[in-house]
């Protein structure tokens, strides 16, 4: 009979659960590492519980990215995936789902998320098979603010480039008559008035297609603090009617209130 002390039993680690994300056009040998990182980032956001989701391995054939979920996080991950399937995802999961589809479209690929236990596809990412929703362009009168950075052209339609919010708007044009006046405002802030055409993509981003400049006005490039000082200096007179209108705006129509807020 041995007198050796018995070793305490180590707690048994839970096996957790694995999910397999498959991309049909890549293999582990062909996908660029930086692109793999893009897919891994969006997959992590879709699964959620990022501290409990771990990269396990890549499988051969079509590229299969295997993620392991810690046992304690399995119910939350399952519920999150179920919400994505029901088209009721949390905002961050919806953003990641759309971004994943965008990556797949760019790579001419389709993606599949499988529950490794059930061996079934639980989320399908259409990727290249997704048809972009088409939106008709909108044409209307409006105005655009920005810095005038270029005027040029040899025909009757003079092209104008405007720097606005860190982007260059190149679809603007006008007549020679207006261009002769506008050229004196080169590299200065202006407000252009006219009729423009805007288009919207499937992600809800609006883009200016073209804009016919019919008139313009110069803008003062002053600091916000100076503009506020000028506003405060404007004399304002409040009469009884103005106070009554303010009361209606705050409290609505009805009996006049006695004091309070």
Protein backbone atom coordinates (compact mmCIF):
# COMPACT_ATOMS: atom_id res chain seq x y z
CA UNK A 1 0.00 0.00 0.00
CA UNK A 2 1.50 3.35 -1.02
CA UNK A 3 1.96 6.13 1.52
CA UNK A 4 2.28 8.81 -1.15
CA UNK A 5 -0.09 11.71 -0.61
CA UNK A 6 -2.85 11.87 -3.14
CA UNK A 7 -2.77 14.81 -5.54
CA UNK A 8 -5.80 17.10 -5.37
CA UNK A 9 -7.98 16.77 -8.40
CA UNK A 10 -7.86 19.71 -10.74
CA UNK A 11 -11.20 21.25 -11.64
CA UNK A 12 -12.35 20.07 -15.01
CA UNK A 13 -12.35 22.83 -17.60
CA UNK A 14 -15.46 23.28 -19.64
CA UNK A 15 -15.00 22.58 -23.30
CA UNK A 16 -16.96 25.67 -24.32
CA UNK A 17 -18.46 25.90 -27.77
CA UNK A 18 -17.06 26.53 -31.26
CA UNK A 19 -18.40 28.54 -34.17
CA UNK A 20 -17.06 28.20 -37.69
CA UNK A 21 -17.10 31.10 -40.17
CA UNK A 22 -16.50 30.01 -43.76
CA UNK A 23 -15.47 32.18 -46.74
CA UNK A 24 -15.88 30.37 -50.04
CA UNK A 25 -13.21 32.10 -52.17
CA UNK A 26 -10.21 31.96 -49.84
CA UNK A 27 -7.97 29.30 -48.32
CA UNK A 28 -5.55 29.78 -45.38
CA UNK A 29 -2.75 30.08 -47.96
CA UNK A 30 -4.40 32.71 -50.16
CA UNK A 31 -6.05 35.19 -47.80
CA UNK A 32 -3.87 38.23 -46.98
CA UNK A 33 -3.22 38.53 -43.27
CA UNK A 34 -4.54 42.08 -43.10
CA UNK A 35 -7.80 40.96 -44.76
CA UNK A 36 -8.11 38.08 -42.34
CA UNK A 37 -7.84 40.61 -39.52
CA UNK A 38 -10.74 42.60 -41.04
CA UNK A 39 -12.96 39.53 -41.05
CA UNK A 40 -11.94 38.52 -37.53
CA UNK A 41 -12.76 41.99 -36.20
CA UNK A 42 -16.29 42.01 -37.64
CA UNK A 43 -16.94 38.41 -36.58
CA UNK A 44 -15.96 39.28 -33.02
CA UNK A 45 -18.48 42.14 -33.01
CA UNK A 46 -21.24 39.90 -34.36
CA UNK A 47 -20.63 37.24 -31.70
CA UNK A 48 -20.22 39.79 -28.90
CA UNK A 49 -18.74 38.96 -25.47
CA UNK A 50 -15.35 39.79 -26.94
CA UNK A 51 -13.40 38.92 -23.76
CA UNK A 52 -14.80 35.37 -23.89
CA UNK A 53 -14.43 34.74 -27.65
CA UNK A 54 -11.07 33.34 -28.77
CA UNK A 55 -9.47 32.53 -32.10
CA UNK A 56 -8.93 28.76 -32.21
CA UNK A 57 -7.63 27.83 -35.66
CA UNK A 58 -7.97 28.06 -39.44
CA UNK A 59 -9.23 25.02 -41.30
CA UNK A 60 -8.20 24.07 -44.80
CA UNK A 61 -10.33 23.77 -47.92
CA UNK A 62 -12.35 26.95 -48.23
CA UNK A 63 -11.12 29.20 -45.47
CA UNK A 64 -12.84 28.36 -42.16
CA UNK A 65 -12.21 30.62 -39.17
CA UNK A 66 -12.94 28.72 -35.94
CA UNK A 67 -13.81 30.70 -32.79
CA UNK A 68 -14.15 29.21 -29.32
CA UNK A 69 -16.68 30.61 -26.85
CA UNK A 70 -16.05 30.20 -23.13
CA UNK A 71 -18.73 28.18 -21.39
CA UNK A 72 -20.09 31.05 -19.29
CA UNK A 73 -20.62 33.27 -22.35
CA UNK A 74 -22.42 30.68 -24.52
CA UNK A 75 -26.01 31.72 -23.58
CA UNK A 76 -25.33 35.39 -24.34
CA UNK A 77 -23.63 34.61 -27.65
CA UNK A 78 -26.48 32.29 -28.67
CA UNK A 79 -29.05 34.97 -27.86
CA UNK A 80 -27.09 37.59 -29.81
CA UNK A 81 -26.87 35.34 -32.86
CA UNK A 82 -30.59 34.57 -32.58
CA UNK A 83 -31.34 38.31 -32.66
CA UNK A 84 -29.23 38.69 -35.80
CA UNK A 85 -31.14 35.82 -37.43
CA UNK A 86 -34.48 37.42 -36.48
CA UNK A 87 -33.27 40.69 -38.01
CA UNK A 88 -33.42 42.32 -34.55
CA UNK A 89 -29.70 42.77 -33.83
CA UNK A 90 -28.16 45.26 -31.41
CA UNK A 91 -26.79 48.34 -33.23
CA UNK A 92 -23.15 47.22 -33.01
CA UNK A 93 -24.00 43.74 -34.33
CA UNK A 94 -26.00 45.25 -37.22
CA UNK A 95 -23.08 47.49 -38.15
CA UNK A 96 -20.71 44.52 -38.06
CA UNK A 97 -23.09 42.37 -40.13
CA UNK A 98 -23.34 45.07 -42.81
CA UNK A 99 -19.59 45.61 -42.79
CA UNK A 100 -19.00 41.86 -43.11
CA UNK A 101 -21.24 41.77 -46.18
CA UNK A 102 -19.35 44.74 -47.61
CA UNK A 103 -16.02 42.91 -47.19
CA UNK A 104 -17.45 39.82 -48.85
CA UNK A 105 -18.84 41.83 -51.79
CA UNK A 106 -15.45 43.45 -52.30
CA UNK A 107 -13.84 39.98 -52.33
CA UNK A 108 -16.57 38.48 -54.56
CA UNK A 109 -17.30 36.00 -51.78
CA UNK A 110 -20.13 34.50 -49.72
CA UNK A 111 -19.86 33.74 -46.00
CA UNK A 112 -21.46 31.21 -43.65
CA UNK A 113 -21.54 31.02 -39.85
CA UNK A 114 -22.02 27.52 -38.47
CA UNK A 115 -22.74 26.21 -35.01
CA UNK A 116 -20.11 23.47 -34.79
CA UNK A 117 -22.39 21.38 -32.56
CA UNK A 118 -25.38 21.38 -34.89
CA UNK A 119 -23.28 21.41 -38.10
CA UNK A 120 -25.81 23.72 -39.69
CA UNK A 121 -25.60 27.23 -41.16
CA UNK A 122 -27.08 29.65 -38.65
CA UNK A 123 -26.25 32.94 -40.43
CA UNK A 124 -25.64 33.33 -44.14
CA UNK A 125 -23.81 36.41 -45.44
CA UNK A 126 -24.88 36.93 -49.07
CA UNK A 127 -21.85 39.04 -50.01
CA UNK A 128 -21.49 39.02 -53.80
CA UNK A 129 -25.09 37.77 -54.20
CA UNK A 130 -26.58 40.77 -52.42
CA UNK A 131 -28.24 43.18 -54.81
CA UNK A 132 -27.67 46.81 -53.88
CA UNK A 133 -30.90 48.69 -53.34
CA UNK A 134 -31.29 51.42 -55.92
CA UNK A 135 -32.52 54.85 -54.87
CA UNK A 136 -33.65 57.50 -57.33
CA UNK A 137 -31.58 60.68 -57.30
CA UNK A 138 -33.11 63.79 -55.77
CA UNK A 139 -32.98 67.15 -57.54
CA UNK A 140 -33.87 70.30 -55.62
CA UNK A 141 -32.86 73.88 -54.91
CA UNK A 142 -30.46 74.37 -52.06
CA UNK A 143 -27.16 75.82 -50.94
CA UNK A 144 -23.61 74.58 -50.29
CA UNK A 145 -21.00 76.17 -48.04
CA UNK A 146 -17.26 75.78 -48.48
CA UNK A 147 -13.94 77.24 -49.59
CA UNK A 148 -13.70 78.05 -53.28
CA UNK A 149 -10.52 76.31 -54.49
CA UNK A 150 -10.83 76.13 -58.29
CA UNK A 151 -12.63 77.73 -61.23
CA UNK A 152 -11.93 76.66 -64.79
CA UNK A 153 -13.17 75.36 -68.12
CA UNK A 154 -13.10 76.28 -71.79
CA UNK A 155 -16.77 75.84 -72.68
CA UNK A 156 -19.85 77.79 -71.63
CA UNK A 157 -20.21 75.71 -68.46
CA UNK A 158 -17.48 76.77 -66.03
CA UNK A 159 -16.53 74.08 -63.52
CA UNK A 160 -16.16 75.01 -59.86
CA UNK A 161 -14.47 73.01 -57.08
CA UNK A 162 -15.44 73.60 -53.46
CA UNK A 163 -13.65 72.37 -50.33
CA UNK A 164 -16.37 71.44 -47.86
CA UNK A 165 -16.00 69.43 -44.64
CA UNK A 166 -12.68 67.80 -45.57
CA UNK A 167 -13.86 66.78 -49.04
CA UNK A 168 -13.75 68.33 -52.49
CA UNK A 169 -17.03 68.83 -54.32
CA UNK A 170 -16.24 68.71 -58.03
CA UNK A 171 -19.73 68.50 -59.53
CA UNK A 172 -20.47 72.23 -59.34
CA UNK A 173 -20.73 74.40 -62.46
CA UNK A 174 -22.03 77.80 -63.50
CA UNK A 175 -22.20 80.33 -66.33
CA UNK A 176 -19.31 82.52 -67.41
CA UNK A 177 -21.12 85.61 -66.11
CA UNK A 178 -21.35 84.28 -62.57
CA UNK A 179 -17.85 82.77 -62.82
CA UNK A 180 -16.35 86.22 -63.50
CA UNK A 181 -17.81 87.45 -60.21
CA UNK A 182 -17.00 84.25 -58.33
CA UNK A 183 -13.32 84.25 -59.29
CA UNK A 184 -12.72 87.21 -56.98
CA UNK A 185 -13.62 84.91 -54.05
CA UNK A 186 -11.00 82.26 -54.82
CA UNK A 187 -9.74 80.58 -51.61
CA UNK A 188 -12.43 82.30 -49.58
CA UNK A 189 -15.54 80.84 -47.89
CA UNK A 190 -18.70 81.20 -49.96
CA UNK A 191 -22.29 79.99 -49.98
CA UNK A 192 -23.45 78.75 -53.38
CA UNK A 193 -27.15 78.80 -54.26
CA UNK A 194 -28.60 76.73 -57.06
CA UNK A 195 -30.21 73.50 -58.16
CA UNK A 196 -28.44 70.25 -57.31
CA UNK A 197 -28.85 66.52 -57.76
CA UNK A 198 -28.01 64.16 -54.89
CA UNK A 199 -27.83 60.36 -54.98
CA UNK A 200 -27.99 57.89 -52.09
CA UNK A 201 -26.22 54.54 -51.85
CA UNK A 202 -27.40 51.34 -50.10
CA UNK A 203 -25.70 52.40 -46.85
CA UNK A 204 -27.65 55.67 -46.67
CA UNK A 205 -24.77 57.97 -47.65
CA UNK A 206 -25.77 60.95 -49.81
CA UNK A 207 -23.42 62.17 -52.54
CA UNK A 208 -23.63 65.34 -54.61
CA UNK A 209 -23.83 64.40 -58.30
CA UNK A 210 -23.98 67.89 -59.82
CA UNK A 211 -24.90 71.41 -58.78
CA UNK A 212 -25.74 74.37 -61.05
CA UNK A 213 -24.69 77.59 -59.32
CA UNK A 214 -27.28 80.35 -59.85
CA UNK A 215 -25.97 82.85 -57.29
CA UNK A 216 -23.62 83.09 -54.35
CA UNK A 217 -22.72 85.14 -51.32
CA UNK A 218 -19.41 85.53 -49.47
CA UNK A 219 -19.13 84.17 -45.94
CA UNK A 220 -17.12 85.66 -43.13
CA UNK A 221 -14.43 83.31 -41.88
CA UNK A 222 -14.54 84.31 -38.21
CA UNK A 223 -13.91 82.27 -35.04
CA UNK A 224 -16.95 80.93 -33.20
CA UNK A 225 -16.17 83.11 -30.18
CA UNK A 226 -16.32 86.25 -32.33
CA UNK A 227 -19.60 85.16 -33.92
CA UNK A 228 -21.15 84.60 -30.46
CA UNK A 229 -19.95 88.02 -29.33
CA UNK A 230 -21.62 89.61 -32.34
CA UNK A 231 -24.88 87.79 -31.63
CA UNK A 232 -24.89 88.93 -28.02
CA UNK A 233 -24.44 92.52 -29.17
CA UNK A 234 -27.66 92.44 -31.23
CA UNK A 235 -30.31 94.49 -29.36
CA UNK A 236 -33.45 92.49 -28.58
CA UNK A 237 -36.67 93.96 -27.21
CA UNK A 238 -39.20 91.71 -25.50
CA UNK A 239 -42.80 92.91 -25.36
CA UNK A 240 -45.80 91.23 -23.71
CA UNK A 241 -46.71 89.41 -26.91
CA UNK A 242 -43.25 87.88 -27.15
CA UNK A 243 -43.47 86.55 -23.58
CA UNK A 244 -46.92 85.12 -24.27
CA UNK A 245 -45.64 83.32 -27.39
CA UNK A 246 -42.74 81.92 -25.35
CA UNK A 247 -45.19 80.64 -22.71
CA UNK A 248 -47.25 78.89 -25.41
CA UNK A 249 -44.08 77.30 -26.87
CA UNK A 250 -43.07 75.96 -23.45
CA UNK A 251 -46.46 74.88 -22.07
CA UNK A 252 -48.83 74.70 -25.03
CA UNK A 253 -52.22 76.31 -25.41
CA UNK A 254 -54.53 76.43 -22.42
CA UNK A 255 -54.89 78.02 -18.97
CA UNK A 256 -52.11 80.37 -17.97
CA UNK A 257 -49.94 78.90 -15.26
CA UNK A 258 -49.23 80.81 -12.05
CA UNK A 259 -45.52 80.57 -11.44
CA UNK A 260 -43.44 77.41 -11.61
CA UNK A 261 -41.63 75.96 -14.62
